[in-house]
Amino acid sequence: YQPETIESLTDLEKQSKISLAKIRGSVSQIKGNIIKLKNDFHEF
């Protein structure tokens, strides 16, 4: 299966409440099994 690449806020807004996606970003924090990932338009 092929996830849909999200590269902008517009791409993100088009996604359903639950979707198969691919994102990119910079690691800002890790705590346990949780990683915070930031890019130009959002934090994941």
PDB file of all heavy atoms in Angstrom:
ATOM      1  N   TYR A   1       0.848  -1.193   0.000  1.00  0.00           N
ATOM      2  CA  TYR A   1       0.000   0.000   0.000  1.00  0.00           C
ATOM      3  C   TYR A   1       0.884   1.242   0.000  1.00  0.00           C
ATOM      4  O   TYR A   1       1.995   1.251   0.517  1.00  0.00           O
ATOM      5  CB  TYR A   1      -0.953   0.012   1.201  1.00  0.00           C
ATOM      6  CG  TYR A   1      -0.325  -0.347   2.521  1.00  0.00           C
ATOM      7  CD1 TYR A   1       0.503   0.534   3.202  1.00  0.00           C
ATOM      8  CD2 TYR A   1      -0.576  -1.587   3.107  1.00  0.00           C
ATOM      9  CE1 TYR A   1       1.072   0.207   4.407  1.00  0.00           C
ATOM     10  CE2 TYR A   1      -0.008  -1.928   4.326  1.00  0.00           C
ATOM     11  CZ  TYR A   1       0.810  -1.022   4.976  1.00  0.00           C
ATOM     12  OH  TYR A   1       1.377  -1.360   6.168  1.00  0.00           O
ATOM     13  N   GLN A   2       0.372   2.319  -0.592  1.00  0.00           N
ATOM     14  CA  GLN A   2       1.153   3.540  -0.766  1.00  0.00           C
ATOM     15  C   GLN A   2       0.531   4.690   0.025  1.00  0.00           C
ATOM     16  O   GLN A   2      -0.547   5.170  -0.303  1.00  0.00           O
ATOM     17  CB  GLN A   2       1.222   3.917  -2.251  1.00  0.00           C
ATOM     18  CG  GLN A   2       1.966   2.927  -3.117  1.00  0.00           C
ATOM     19  CD  GLN A   2       3.437   2.823  -2.718  1.00  0.00           C
ATOM     20  OE1 GLN A   2       4.064   3.817  -2.373  1.00  0.00           O
ATOM     21  NE2 GLN A   2       3.973   1.615  -2.777  1.00  0.00           N
ATOM     22  N   PRO A   3       1.205   5.168   1.090  1.00  0.00           N
ATOM     23  CA  PRO A   3       0.682   6.313   1.837  1.00  0.00           C
ATOM     24  C   PRO A   3       0.763   7.587   1.006  1.00  0.00           C
ATOM     25  O   PRO A   3       1.598   7.712   0.115  1.00  0.00           O
ATOM     26  CB  PRO A   3       1.604   6.388   3.062  1.00  0.00           C
ATOM     27  CG  PRO A   3       2.867   5.735   2.611  1.00  0.00           C
ATOM     28  CD  PRO A   3       2.473   4.672   1.642  1.00  0.00           C
ATOM     29  N   GLU A   4      -0.103   8.527   1.315  1.00  0.00           N
ATOM     30  CA  GLU A   4      -0.113   9.806   0.608  1.00  0.00           C
ATOM     31  C   GLU A   4       0.830  10.783   1.304  1.00  0.00           C
ATOM     32  O   GLU A   4       0.743  10.995   2.514  1.00  0.00           O
ATOM     33  CB  GLU A   4      -1.525  10.382   0.580  1.00  0.00           C
ATOM     34  CG  GLU A   4      -1.650  11.632  -0.265  1.00  0.00           C
ATOM     35  CD  GLU A   4      -3.088  12.062  -0.462  1.00  0.00           C
ATOM     36  OE1 GLU A   4      -3.993  11.273  -0.150  1.00  0.00           O
ATOM     37  OE2 GLU A   4      -3.291  13.201  -0.929  1.00  0.00           O
ATOM     38  N   THR A   5       1.738  11.378   0.548  1.00  0.00           N
ATOM     39  CA  THR A   5       2.718  12.298   1.111  1.00  0.00           C
ATOM     40  C   THR A   5       2.078  13.647   1.421  1.00  0.00           C
ATOM     41  O   THR A   5       1.401  14.238   0.578  1.00  0.00           O
ATOM     42  CB  THR A   5       3.896  12.508   0.137  1.00  0.00           C
ATOM     43  OG1 THR A   5       4.505  11.246  -0.131  1.00  0.00           O
ATOM     44  CG2 THR A   5       4.933  13.432   0.753  1.00  0.00           C
ATOM     45  N   ILE A   6       2.291  14.127   2.648  1.00  0.00           N
ATOM     46  CA  ILE A   6       1.760  15.422   3.072  1.00  0.00           C
ATOM     47  C   ILE A   6       2.912  16.411   3.145  1.00  0.00           C
ATOM     48  O   ILE A   6       3.804  16.277   3.989  1.00  0.00           O
ATOM     49  CB  ILE A   6       1.060  15.304   4.440  1.00  0.00           C
ATOM     50  CG1 ILE A   6      -0.106  14.316   4.347  1.00  0.00           C
ATOM     51  CG2 ILE A   6       0.574  16.660   4.911  1.00  0.00           C
ATOM     52  CD1 ILE A   6      -0.803  14.078   5.657  1.00  0.00           C
ATOM     53  N   GLU A   7       2.894  17.392   2.263  1.00  0.00           N
ATOM     54  CA  GLU A   7       3.998  18.350   2.175  1.00  0.00           C
ATOM     55  C   GLU A   7       3.585  19.783   2.483  1.00  0.00           C
ATOM     56  O   GLU A   7       4.431  20.683   2.475  1.00  0.00           O
ATOM     57  CB  GLU A   7       4.622  18.282   0.777  1.00  0.00           C
ATOM     58  CG  GLU A   7       5.245  16.925   0.462  1.00  0.00           C
ATOM     59  CD  GLU A   7       5.853  16.871  -0.919  1.00  0.00           C
ATOM     60  OE1 GLU A   7       5.322  17.583  -1.809  1.00  0.00           O
ATOM     61  OE2 GLU A   7       6.837  16.148  -1.114  1.00  0.00           O
ATOM     62  N   SER A   8       2.313  20.016   2.735  1.00  0.00           N
ATOM     63  CA  SER A   8       1.846  21.371   3.006  1.00  0.00           C
ATOM     64  C   SER A   8       0.573  21.314   3.844  1.00  0.00           C
ATOM     65  O   SER A   8      -0.036  20.251   4.018  1.00  0.00           O
ATOM     66  CB  SER A   8       1.559  22.119   1.695  1.00  0.00           C
ATOM     67  OG  SER A   8       0.462  21.516   1.020  1.00  0.00           O
ATOM     68  N   LEU A   9       0.171  22.469   4.349  1.00  0.00           N
ATOM     69  CA  LEU A   9      -1.066  22.560   5.126  1.00  0.00           C
ATOM     70  C   LEU A   9      -2.268  22.213   4.257  1.00  0.00           C
ATOM     71  O   LEU A   9      -3.236  21.605   4.729  1.00  0.00           O
ATOM     72  CB  LEU A   9      -1.215  23.967   5.707  1.00  0.00           C
ATOM     73  CG  LEU A   9      -2.350  24.178   6.712  1.00  0.00           C
ATOM     74  CD1 LEU A   9      -2.200  23.253   7.909  1.00  0.00           C
ATOM     75  CD2 LEU A   9      -2.404  25.629   7.156  1.00  0.00           C
ATOM     76  N   THR A  10      -2.206  22.561   2.986  1.00  0.00           N
ATOM     77  CA  THR A  10      -3.290  22.225   2.056  1.00  0.00           C
ATOM     78  C   THR A  10      -3.435  20.722   1.915  1.00  0.00           C
ATOM     79  O   THR A  10      -4.551  20.184   1.939  1.00  0.00           O
ATOM     80  CB  THR A  10      -3.026  22.853   0.671  1.00  0.00           C
ATOM     81  OG1 THR A  10      -2.884  24.266   0.809  1.00  0.00           O
ATOM     82  CG2 THR A  10      -4.167  22.549  -0.288  1.00  0.00           C
ATOM     83  N   ASP A  11      -2.300  20.024   1.780  1.00  0.00           N
ATOM     84  CA  ASP A  11      -2.332  18.557   1.715  1.00  0.00           C
ATOM     85  C   ASP A  11      -2.948  17.977   2.979  1.00  0.00           C
ATOM     86  O   ASP A  11      -3.731  17.019   2.921  1.00  0.00           O
ATOM     87  CB  ASP A  11      -0.917  17.992   1.547  1.00  0.00           C
ATOM     88  CG  ASP A  11      -0.295  18.338   0.204  1.00  0.00           C
ATOM     89  OD1 ASP A  11      -1.056  18.664  -0.734  1.00  0.00           O
ATOM     90  OD2 ASP A  11       0.942  18.290   0.094  1.00  0.00           O
ATOM     91  N   LEU A  12      -2.587  18.553   4.115  1.00  0.00           N
ATOM     92  CA  LEU A  12      -3.075  18.051   5.400  1.00  0.00           C
ATOM     93  C   LEU A  12      -4.574  18.233   5.534  1.00  0.00           C
ATOM     94  O   LEU A  12      -5.288  17.336   6.014  1.00  0.00           O
ATOM     95  CB  LEU A  12      -2.354  18.784   6.537  1.00  0.00           C
ATOM     96  CG  LEU A  12      -2.701  18.361   7.960  1.00  0.00           C
ATOM     97  CD1 LEU A  12      -2.368  16.900   8.201  1.00  0.00           C
ATOM     98  CD2 LEU A  12      -1.979  19.249   8.968  1.00  0.00           C
ATOM     99  N   GLU A  13      -5.073  19.385   5.107  1.00  0.00           N
ATOM    100  CA  GLU A  13      -6.503  19.672   5.216  1.00  0.00           C
ATOM    101  C   GLU A  13      -7.345  18.749   4.337  1.00  0.00           C
ATOM    102  O   GLU A  13      -8.528  18.526   4.621  1.00  0.00           O
ATOM    103  CB  GLU A  13      -6.765  21.137   4.860  1.00  0.00           C
ATOM    104  CG  GLU A  13      -6.227  22.106   5.910  1.00  0.00           C
ATOM    105  CD  GLU A  13      -6.301  23.553   5.459  1.00  0.00           C
ATOM    106  OE1 GLU A  13      -6.517  23.783   4.234  1.00  0.00           O
ATOM    107  OE2 GLU A  13      -6.130  24.452   6.316  1.00  0.00           O
ATOM    108  N   LYS A  14      -6.753  18.193   3.296  1.00  0.00           N
ATOM    109  CA  LYS A  14      -7.481  17.298   2.396  1.00  0.00           C
ATOM    110  C   LYS A  14      -7.635  15.890   2.978  1.00  0.00           C
ATOM    111  O   LYS A  14      -8.442  15.109   2.490  1.00  0.00           O
ATOM    112  CB  LYS A  14      -6.762  17.209   1.051  1.00  0.00           C
ATOM    113  CG  LYS A  14      -6.812  18.483   0.225  1.00  0.00           C
ATOM    114  CD  LYS A  14      -6.036  18.311  -1.073  1.00  0.00           C
ATOM    115  CE  LYS A  14      -6.035  19.574  -1.909  1.00  0.00           C
ATOM    116  NZ  LYS A  14      -5.233  19.407  -3.146  1.00  0.00           N
ATOM    117  N   GLN A  15      -6.838  15.579   4.003  1.00  0.00           N
ATOM    118  CA  GLN A  15      -6.862  14.235   4.566  1.00  0.00           C
ATOM    119  C   GLN A  15      -8.126  13.990   5.384  1.00  0.00           C
ATOM    120  O   GLN A  15      -8.676  14.899   6.010  1.00  0.00           O
ATOM    121  CB  GLN A  15      -5.641  14.019   5.467  1.00  0.00           C
ATOM    122  CG  GLN A  15      -4.314  14.098   4.743  1.00  0.00           C
ATOM    123  CD  GLN A  15      -4.193  13.071   3.640  1.00  0.00           C
ATOM    124  OE1 GLN A  15      -4.356  11.879   3.853  1.00  0.00           O
ATOM    125  NE2 GLN A  15      -3.909  13.547   2.441  1.00  0.00           N
ATOM    126  N   SER A  16      -8.583  12.733   5.385  1.00  0.00           N
ATOM    127  CA  SER A  16      -9.722  12.340   6.212  1.00  0.00           C
ATOM    128  C   SER A  16      -9.303  12.332   7.677  1.00  0.00           C
ATOM    129  O   SER A  16      -8.126  12.505   8.006  1.00  0.00           O
ATOM    130  CB  SER A  16     -10.207  10.946   5.805  1.00  0.00           C
ATOM    131  OG  SER A  16     -10.523  10.902   4.433  1.00  0.00           O
ATOM    132  N   LYS A  17     -10.268  12.119   8.570  1.00  0.00           N
ATOM    133  CA  LYS A  17      -9.956  12.063   9.997  1.00  0.00           C
ATOM    134  C   LYS A  17      -8.938  10.966  10.282  1.00  0.00           C
ATOM    135  O   LYS A  17      -8.106  11.085  11.182  1.00  0.00           O
ATOM    136  CB  LYS A  17     -11.240  11.800  10.789  1.00  0.00           C
ATOM    137  CG  LYS A  17     -12.238  12.940  10.778  1.00  0.00           C
ATOM    138  CD  LYS A  17     -11.821  14.065  11.693  1.00  0.00           C
ATOM    139  CE  LYS A  17     -12.864  15.153  11.783  1.00  0.00           C
ATOM    140  NZ  LYS A  17     -14.096  14.739  12.481  1.00  0.00           N
ATOM    141  N   ILE A  18      -9.022   9.857   9.539  1.00  0.00           N
ATOM    142  CA  ILE A  18      -8.036   8.778   9.640  1.00  0.00           C
ATOM    143  C   ILE A  18      -7.555   8.471   8.232  1.00  0.00           C
ATOM    144  O   ILE A  18      -8.365   8.190   7.342  1.00  0.00           O
ATOM    145  CB  ILE A  18      -8.627   7.504  10.270  1.00  0.00           C
ATOM    146  CG1 ILE A  18      -9.238   7.813  11.646  1.00  0.00           C
ATOM    147  CG2 ILE A  18      -7.551   6.430  10.427  1.00  0.00           C
ATOM    148  CD1 ILE A  18      -9.927   6.629  12.284  1.00  0.00           C
ATOM    149  N   SER A  19      -6.255   8.526   8.010  1.00  0.00           N
ATOM    150  CA  SER A  19      -5.727   8.300   6.668  1.00  0.00           C
ATOM    151  C   SER A  19      -4.371   7.612   6.746  1.00  0.00           C
ATOM    152  O   SER A  19      -3.737   7.554   7.807  1.00  0.00           O
ATOM    153  CB  SER A  19      -5.604   9.622   5.909  1.00  0.00           C
ATOM    154  OG  SER A  19      -4.699  10.492   6.576  1.00  0.00           O
ATOM    155  N   LEU A  20      -3.940   7.075   5.614  1.00  0.00           N
ATOM    156  CA  LEU A  20      -2.609   6.482   5.504  1.00  0.00           C
ATOM    157  C   LEU A  20      -1.716   7.543   4.876  1.00  0.00           C
ATOM    158  O   LEU A  20      -1.925   7.931   3.724  1.00  0.00           O
ATOM    159  CB  LEU A  20      -2.660   5.225   4.642  1.00  0.00           C
ATOM    160  CG  LEU A  20      -1.346   4.450   4.505  1.00  0.00           C
ATOM    161  CD1 LEU A  20      -0.908   3.886   5.852  1.00  0.00           C
ATOM    162  CD2 LEU A  20      -1.490   3.319   3.489  1.00  0.00           C
ATOM    163  N   ALA A  21      -0.751   8.036   5.642  1.00  0.00           N
ATOM    164  CA  ALA A  21       0.000   9.204   5.193  1.00  0.00           C
ATOM    165  C   ALA A  21       1.491   9.060   5.455  1.00  0.00           C
ATOM    166  O   ALA A  21       1.941   8.203   6.221  1.00  0.00           O
ATOM    167  CB  ALA A  21      -0.532  10.452   5.897  1.00  0.00           C
ATOM    168  N   LYS A  22       2.258   9.951   4.795  1.00  0.00           N
ATOM    169  CA  LYS A  22       3.700  10.053   5.007  1.00  0.00           C
ATOM    170  C   LYS A  22       4.027  11.520   5.279  1.00  0.00           C
ATOM    171  O   LYS A  22       3.574  12.407   4.558  1.00  0.00           O
ATOM    172  CB  LYS A  22       4.473   9.575   3.779  1.00  0.00           C
ATOM    173  CG  LYS A  22       5.996   9.710   3.929  1.00  0.00           C
ATOM    174  CD  LYS A  22       6.718   9.457   2.624  1.00  0.00           C
ATOM    175  CE  LYS A  22       6.701   7.994   2.244  1.00  0.00           C
ATOM    176  NZ  LYS A  22       7.531   7.729   1.033  1.00  0.00           N
ATOM    177  N   ILE A  23       4.803  11.761   6.338  1.00  0.00           N
ATOM    178  CA  ILE A  23       5.182  13.119   6.696  1.00  0.00           C
ATOM    179  C   ILE A  23       6.703  13.212   6.852  1.00  0.00           C
ATOM    180  O   ILE A  23       7.378  12.195   7.009  1.00  0.00           O
ATOM    181  CB  ILE A  23       4.506  13.581   8.004  1.00  0.00           C
ATOM    182  CG1 ILE A  23       4.932  12.661   9.164  1.00  0.00           C
ATOM    183  CG2 ILE A  23       2.996  13.609   7.854  1.00  0.00           C
ATOM    184  CD1 ILE A  23       4.487  13.156  10.524  1.00  0.00           C
ATOM    185  N   ARG A  24       7.208  14.439   6.815  1.00  0.00           N
ATOM    186  CA  ARG A  24       8.622  14.687   7.073  1.00  0.00           C
ATOM    187  C   ARG A  24       8.740  15.791   8.093  1.00  0.00           C
ATOM    188  O   ARG A  24       7.885  16.673   8.171  1.00  0.00           O
ATOM    189  CB  ARG A  24       9.347  15.094   5.786  1.00  0.00           C
ATOM    190  CG  ARG A  24       9.427  14.000   4.741  1.00  0.00           C
ATOM    191  CD  ARG A  24      10.261  14.455   3.568  1.00  0.00           C
ATOM    192  NE  ARG A  24      10.367  13.432   2.543  1.00  0.00           N
ATOM    193  CZ  ARG A  24      11.138  13.524   1.470  1.00  0.00           C
ATOM    194  NH1 ARG A  24      11.872  14.611   1.288  1.00  0.00           N
ATOM    195  NH2 ARG A  24      11.190  12.560   0.585  1.00  0.00           N
ATOM    196  N   GLY A  25       9.818  15.768   8.876  1.00  0.00           N
ATOM    197  CA  GLY A  25      10.013  16.815   9.853  1.00  0.00           C
ATOM    198  C   GLY A  25      11.269  16.611  10.665  1.00  0.00           C
ATOM    199  O   GLY A  25      12.042  15.666  10.438  1.00  0.00           O
ATOM    200  N   SER A  26      11.459  17.504  11.616  1.00  0.00           N
ATOM    201  CA  SER A  26      12.641  17.495  12.469  1.00  0.00           C
ATOM    202  C   SER A  26      12.262  17.051  13.874  1.00  0.00           C
ATOM    203  O   SER A  26      11.280  17.533  14.445  1.00  0.00           O
ATOM    204  CB  SER A  26      13.243  18.901  12.511  1.00  0.00           C
ATOM    205  OG  SER A  26      14.331  18.958  13.389  1.00  0.00           O
ATOM    206  N   VAL A  27      13.030  16.130  14.443  1.00  0.00           N
ATOM    207  CA  VAL A  27      12.774  15.635  15.792  1.00  0.00           C
ATOM    208  C   VAL A  27      13.065  16.736  16.806  1.00  0.00           C
ATOM    209  O   VAL A  27      14.133  17.336  16.786  1.00  0.00           O
ATOM    210  CB  VAL A  27      13.642  14.399  16.101  1.00  0.00           C
ATOM    211  CG1 VAL A  27      13.439  13.942  17.539  1.00  0.00           C
ATOM    212  CG2 VAL A  27      13.326  13.273  15.132  1.00  0.00           C
ATOM    213  N   SER A  28      12.107  17.003  17.682  1.00  0.00           N
ATOM    214  CA  SER A  28      12.301  18.021  18.711  1.00  0.00           C
ATOM    215  C   SER A  28      12.289  17.442  20.117  1.00  0.00           C
ATOM    216  O   SER A  28      12.805  18.071  21.043  1.00  0.00           O
ATOM    217  CB  SER A  28      11.219  19.106  18.598  1.00  0.00           C
ATOM    218  OG  SER A  28       9.929  18.541  18.753  1.00  0.00           O
ATOM    219  N   GLN A  29      11.694  16.258  20.279  1.00  0.00           N
ATOM    220  CA  GLN A  29      11.600  15.693  21.624  1.00  0.00           C
ATOM    221  C   GLN A  29      11.269  14.207  21.544  1.00  0.00           C
ATOM    222  O   GLN A  29      10.622  13.753  20.597  1.00  0.00           O
ATOM    223  CB  GLN A  29      10.507  16.419  22.426  1.00  0.00           C
ATOM    224  CG  GLN A  29      10.351  15.936  23.860  1.00  0.00           C
ATOM    225  CD  GLN A  29       9.158  16.571  24.562  1.00  0.00           C
ATOM    226  OE1 GLN A  29       8.365  17.270  23.922  1.00  0.00           O
ATOM    227  NE2 GLN A  29       9.022  16.343  25.848  1.00  0.00           N
ATOM    228  N   ILE A  30      11.731  13.468  22.542  1.00  0.00           N
ATOM    229  CA  ILE A  30      11.320  12.078  22.688  1.00  0.00           C
ATOM    230  C   ILE A  30      11.046  11.814  24.160  1.00  0.00           C
ATOM    231  O   ILE A  30      11.776  12.292  25.035  1.00  0.00           O
ATOM    232  CB  ILE A  30      12.390  11.098  22.161  1.00  0.00           C
ATOM    233  CG1 ILE A  30      11.852   9.668  22.198  1.00  0.00           C
ATOM    234  CG2 ILE A  30      13.672  11.189  22.948  1.00  0.00           C
ATOM    235  CD1 ILE A  30      12.710   8.664  21.461  1.00  0.00           C
ATOM    236  N   LYS A  31       9.968  11.125  24.429  1.00  0.00           N
ATOM    237  CA  LYS A  31       9.603  10.793  25.805  1.00  0.00           C
ATOM    238  C   LYS A  31       8.923   9.438  25.787  1.00  0.00           C
ATOM    239  O   LYS A  31       7.801   9.288  25.289  1.00  0.00           O
ATOM    240  CB  LYS A  31       8.680  11.863  26.378  1.00  0.00           C
ATOM    241  CG  LYS A  31       8.444  11.720  27.876  1.00  0.00           C
ATOM    242  CD  LYS A  31       7.679  12.908  28.413  1.00  0.00           C
ATOM    243  CE  LYS A  31       7.512  12.796  29.925  1.00  0.00           C
ATOM    244  NZ  LYS A  31       6.765  13.956  30.487  1.00  0.00           N
ATOM    245  N   GLY A  32       9.619   8.427  26.290  1.00  0.00           N
ATOM    246  CA  GLY A  32       9.074   7.077  26.218  1.00  0.00           C
ATOM    247  C   GLY A  32       9.003   6.628  24.781  1.00  0.00           C
ATOM    248  O   GLY A  32       9.987   6.651  24.052  1.00  0.00           O
ATOM    249  N   ASN A  33       7.795   6.230  24.340  1.00  0.00           N
ATOM    250  CA  ASN A  33       7.626   5.799  22.952  1.00  0.00           C
ATOM    251  C   ASN A  33       6.987   6.882  22.085  1.00  0.00           C
ATOM    252  O   ASN A  33       6.385   6.589  21.052  1.00  0.00           O
ATOM    253  CB  ASN A  33       6.793   4.517  22.888  1.00  0.00           C
ATOM    254  CG  ASN A  33       5.424   4.672  23.552  1.00  0.00           C
ATOM    255  OD1 ASN A  33       5.027   5.777  23.909  1.00  0.00           O
ATOM    256  ND2 ASN A  33       4.710   3.580  23.723  1.00  0.00           N
ATOM    257  N   ILE A  34       7.117   8.142  22.514  1.00  0.00           N
ATOM    258  CA  ILE A  34       6.531   9.263  21.788  1.00  0.00           C
ATOM    259  C   ILE A  34       7.637  10.178  21.253  1.00  0.00           C
ATOM    260  O   ILE A  34       8.559  10.547  21.984  1.00  0.00           O
ATOM    261  CB  ILE A  34       5.591  10.094  22.693  1.00  0.00           C
ATOM    262  CG1 ILE A  34       4.447   9.227  23.228  1.00  0.00           C
ATOM    263  CG2 ILE A  34       5.049  11.300  21.942  1.00  0.00           C
ATOM    264  CD1 ILE A  34       3.501   8.719  22.160  1.00  0.00           C
ATOM    265  N   ILE A  35       7.549  10.528  19.971  1.00  0.00           N
ATOM    266  CA  ILE A  35       8.467  11.488  19.353  1.00  0.00           C
ATOM    267  C   ILE A  35       7.655  12.669  18.842  1.00  0.00           C
ATOM    268  O   ILE A  35       6.588  12.501  18.263  1.00  0.00           O
ATOM    269  CB  ILE A  35       9.228  10.852  18.169  1.00  0.00           C
ATOM    270  CG1 ILE A  35      10.225   9.809  18.669  1.00  0.00           C
ATOM    271  CG2 ILE A  35       9.979  11.909  17.369  1.00  0.00           C
ATOM    272  CD1 ILE A  35      10.963   9.104  17.559  1.00  0.00           C
ATOM    273  N   LYS A  36       8.154  13.870  19.093  1.00  0.00           N
ATOM    274  CA  LYS A  36       7.554  15.071  18.521  1.00  0.00           C
ATOM    275  C   LYS A  36       8.319  15.424  17.253  1.00  0.00           C
ATOM    276  O   LYS A  36       9.546  15.506  17.262  1.00  0.00           O
ATOM    277  CB  LYS A  36       7.626  16.238  19.508  1.00  0.00           C
ATOM    278  CG  LYS A  36       6.799  16.039  20.771  1.00  0.00           C
ATOM    279  CD  LYS A  36       5.313  16.071  20.476  1.00  0.00           C
ATOM    280  CE  LYS A  36       4.509  16.013  21.769  1.00  0.00           C
ATOM    281  NZ  LYS A  36       3.047  16.047  21.509  1.00  0.00           N
ATOM    282  N   LEU A  37       7.567  15.618  16.177  1.00  0.00           N
ATOM    283  CA  LEU A  37       8.167  15.912  14.870  1.00  0.00           C
ATOM    284  C   LEU A  37       7.573  17.214  14.339  1.00  0.00           C
ATOM    285  O   LEU A  37       6.355  17.339  14.215  1.00  0.00           O
ATOM    286  CB  LEU A  37       7.882  14.757  13.906  1.00  0.00           C
ATOM    287  CG  LEU A  37       8.782  14.623  12.681  1.00  0.00           C
ATOM    288  CD1 LEU A  37      10.171  14.159  13.107  1.00  0.00           C
ATOM    289  CD2 LEU A  37       8.191  13.629  11.692  1.00  0.00           C
ATOM    290  N   LYS A  38       8.432  18.181  14.033  1.00  0.00           N
ATOM    291  CA  LYS A  38       7.969  19.481  13.537  1.00  0.00           C
ATOM    292  C   LYS A  38       8.414  19.707  12.100  1.00  0.00           C
ATOM    293  O   LYS A  38       9.504  19.290  11.711  1.00  0.00           O
ATOM    294  CB  LYS A  38       8.525  20.614  14.405  1.00  0.00           C
ATOM    295  CG  LYS A  38       7.916  20.708  15.793  1.00  0.00           C
ATOM    296  CD  LYS A  38       8.460  21.917  16.538  1.00  0.00           C
ATOM    297  CE  LYS A  38       7.817  22.070  17.901  1.00  0.00           C
ATOM    298  NZ  LYS A  38       8.342  23.243  18.640  1.00  0.00           N
ATOM    299  N   ASN A  39       7.539  20.372  11.338  1.00  0.00           N
ATOM    300  CA  ASN A  39       7.931  20.841  10.012  1.00  0.00           C
ATOM    301  C   ASN A  39       7.416  22.265   9.823  1.00  0.00           C
ATOM    302  O   ASN A  39       7.038  22.911  10.795  1.00  0.00           O
ATOM    303  CB  ASN A  39       7.444  19.893   8.902  1.00  0.00           C
ATOM    304  CG  ASN A  39       5.948  19.647   8.959  1.00  0.00           C
ATOM    305  OD1 ASN A  39       5.187  20.493   9.427  1.00  0.00           O
ATOM    306  ND2 ASN A  39       5.518  18.484   8.501  1.00  0.00           N
ATOM    307  N   ASP A  40       7.387  22.752   8.599  1.00  0.00           N
ATOM    308  CA  ASP A  40       7.055  24.159   8.347  1.00  0.00           C
ATOM    309  C   ASP A  40       5.601  24.508   8.640  1.00  0.00           C
ATOM    310  O   ASP A  40       5.280  25.687   8.833  1.00  0.00           O
ATOM    311  CB  ASP A  40       7.363  24.527   6.889  1.00  0.00           C
ATOM    312  CG  ASP A  40       8.851  24.454   6.591  1.00  0.00           C
ATOM    313  OD1 ASP A  40       9.636  24.554   7.557  1.00  0.00           O
ATOM    314  OD2 ASP A  40       9.210  24.287   5.413  1.00  0.00           O
ATOM    315  N   PHE A  41       4.710  23.502   8.672  1.00  0.00           N
ATOM    316  CA  PHE A  41       3.290  23.829   8.792  1.00  0.00           C
ATOM    317  C   PHE A  41       2.583  23.209   9.986  1.00  0.00           C
ATOM    318  O   PHE A  41       1.459  23.579  10.295  1.00  0.00           O
ATOM    319  CB  PHE A  41       2.549  23.445   7.501  1.00  0.00           C
ATOM    320  CG  PHE A  41       2.687  22.002   7.102  1.00  0.00           C
ATOM    321  CD1 PHE A  41       1.797  21.051   7.539  1.00  0.00           C
ATOM    322  CD2 PHE A  41       3.728  21.604   6.274  1.00  0.00           C
ATOM    323  CE1 PHE A  41       1.931  19.724   7.177  1.00  0.00           C
ATOM    324  CE2 PHE A  41       3.865  20.271   5.886  1.00  0.00           C
ATOM    325  CZ  PHE A  41       2.961  19.333   6.350  1.00  0.00           C
ATOM    326  N   HIS A  42       3.227  22.265  10.698  1.00  0.00           N
ATOM    327  CA  HIS A  42       2.552  21.677  11.854  1.00  0.00           C
ATOM    328  C   HIS A  42       3.514  20.861  12.696  1.00  0.00           C
ATOM    329  O   HIS A  42       4.641  20.571  12.287  1.00  0.00           O
ATOM    330  CB  HIS A  42       1.381  20.783  11.417  1.00  0.00           C
ATOM    331  CG  HIS A  42       0.152  20.948  12.268  1.00  0.00           C
ATOM    332  ND1 HIS A  42       0.096  20.532  13.581  1.00  0.00           N
ATOM    333  CD2 HIS A  42      -1.060  21.504  11.999  1.00  0.00           C
ATOM    334  CE1 HIS A  42      -1.098  20.818  14.077  1.00  0.00           C
ATOM    335  NE2 HIS A  42      -1.823  21.416  13.147  1.00  0.00           N
ATOM    336  N   GLU A  43       3.041  20.476  13.886  1.00  0.00           N
ATOM    337  CA  GLU A  43       3.774  19.552  14.749  1.00  0.00           C
ATOM    338  C   GLU A  43       2.984  18.251  14.838  1.00  0.00           C
ATOM    339  O   GLU A  43       1.761  18.271  15.010  1.00  0.00           O
ATOM    340  CB  GLU A  43       3.965  20.136  16.144  1.00  0.00           C
ATOM    341  CG  GLU A  43       4.722  19.187  17.074  1.00  0.00           C
ATOM    342  CD  GLU A  43       4.912  19.747  18.472  1.00  0.00           C
ATOM    343  OE1 GLU A  43       3.891  19.867  19.194  1.00  0.00           O
ATOM    344  OE2 GLU A  43       6.055  20.057  18.831  1.00  0.00           O
ATOM    345  N   PHE A  44       3.676  17.139  14.721  1.00  0.00           N
ATOM    346  CA  PHE A  44       3.046  15.826  14.754  1.00  0.00           C
ATOM    347  C   PHE A  44       3.559  15.040  15.954  1.00  0.00           C
ATOM    348  O   PHE A  44       4.727  15.143  16.335  1.00  0.00           O
ATOM    349  CB  PHE A  44       3.355  15.030  13.480  1.00  0.00           C
ATOM    350  CG  PHE A  44       2.814  15.649  12.229  1.00  0.00           C
ATOM    351  CD1 PHE A  44       3.496  16.679  11.583  1.00  0.00           C
ATOM    352  CD2 PHE A  44       1.626  15.204  11.687  1.00  0.00           C
ATOM    353  CE1 PHE A  44       2.999  17.245  10.425  1.00  0.00           C
ATOM    354  CE2 PHE A  44       1.120  15.761  10.520  1.00  0.00           C
ATOM    355  CZ  PHE A  44       1.803  16.788   9.891  1.00  0.00           C
TER     356      PHE A  44
END
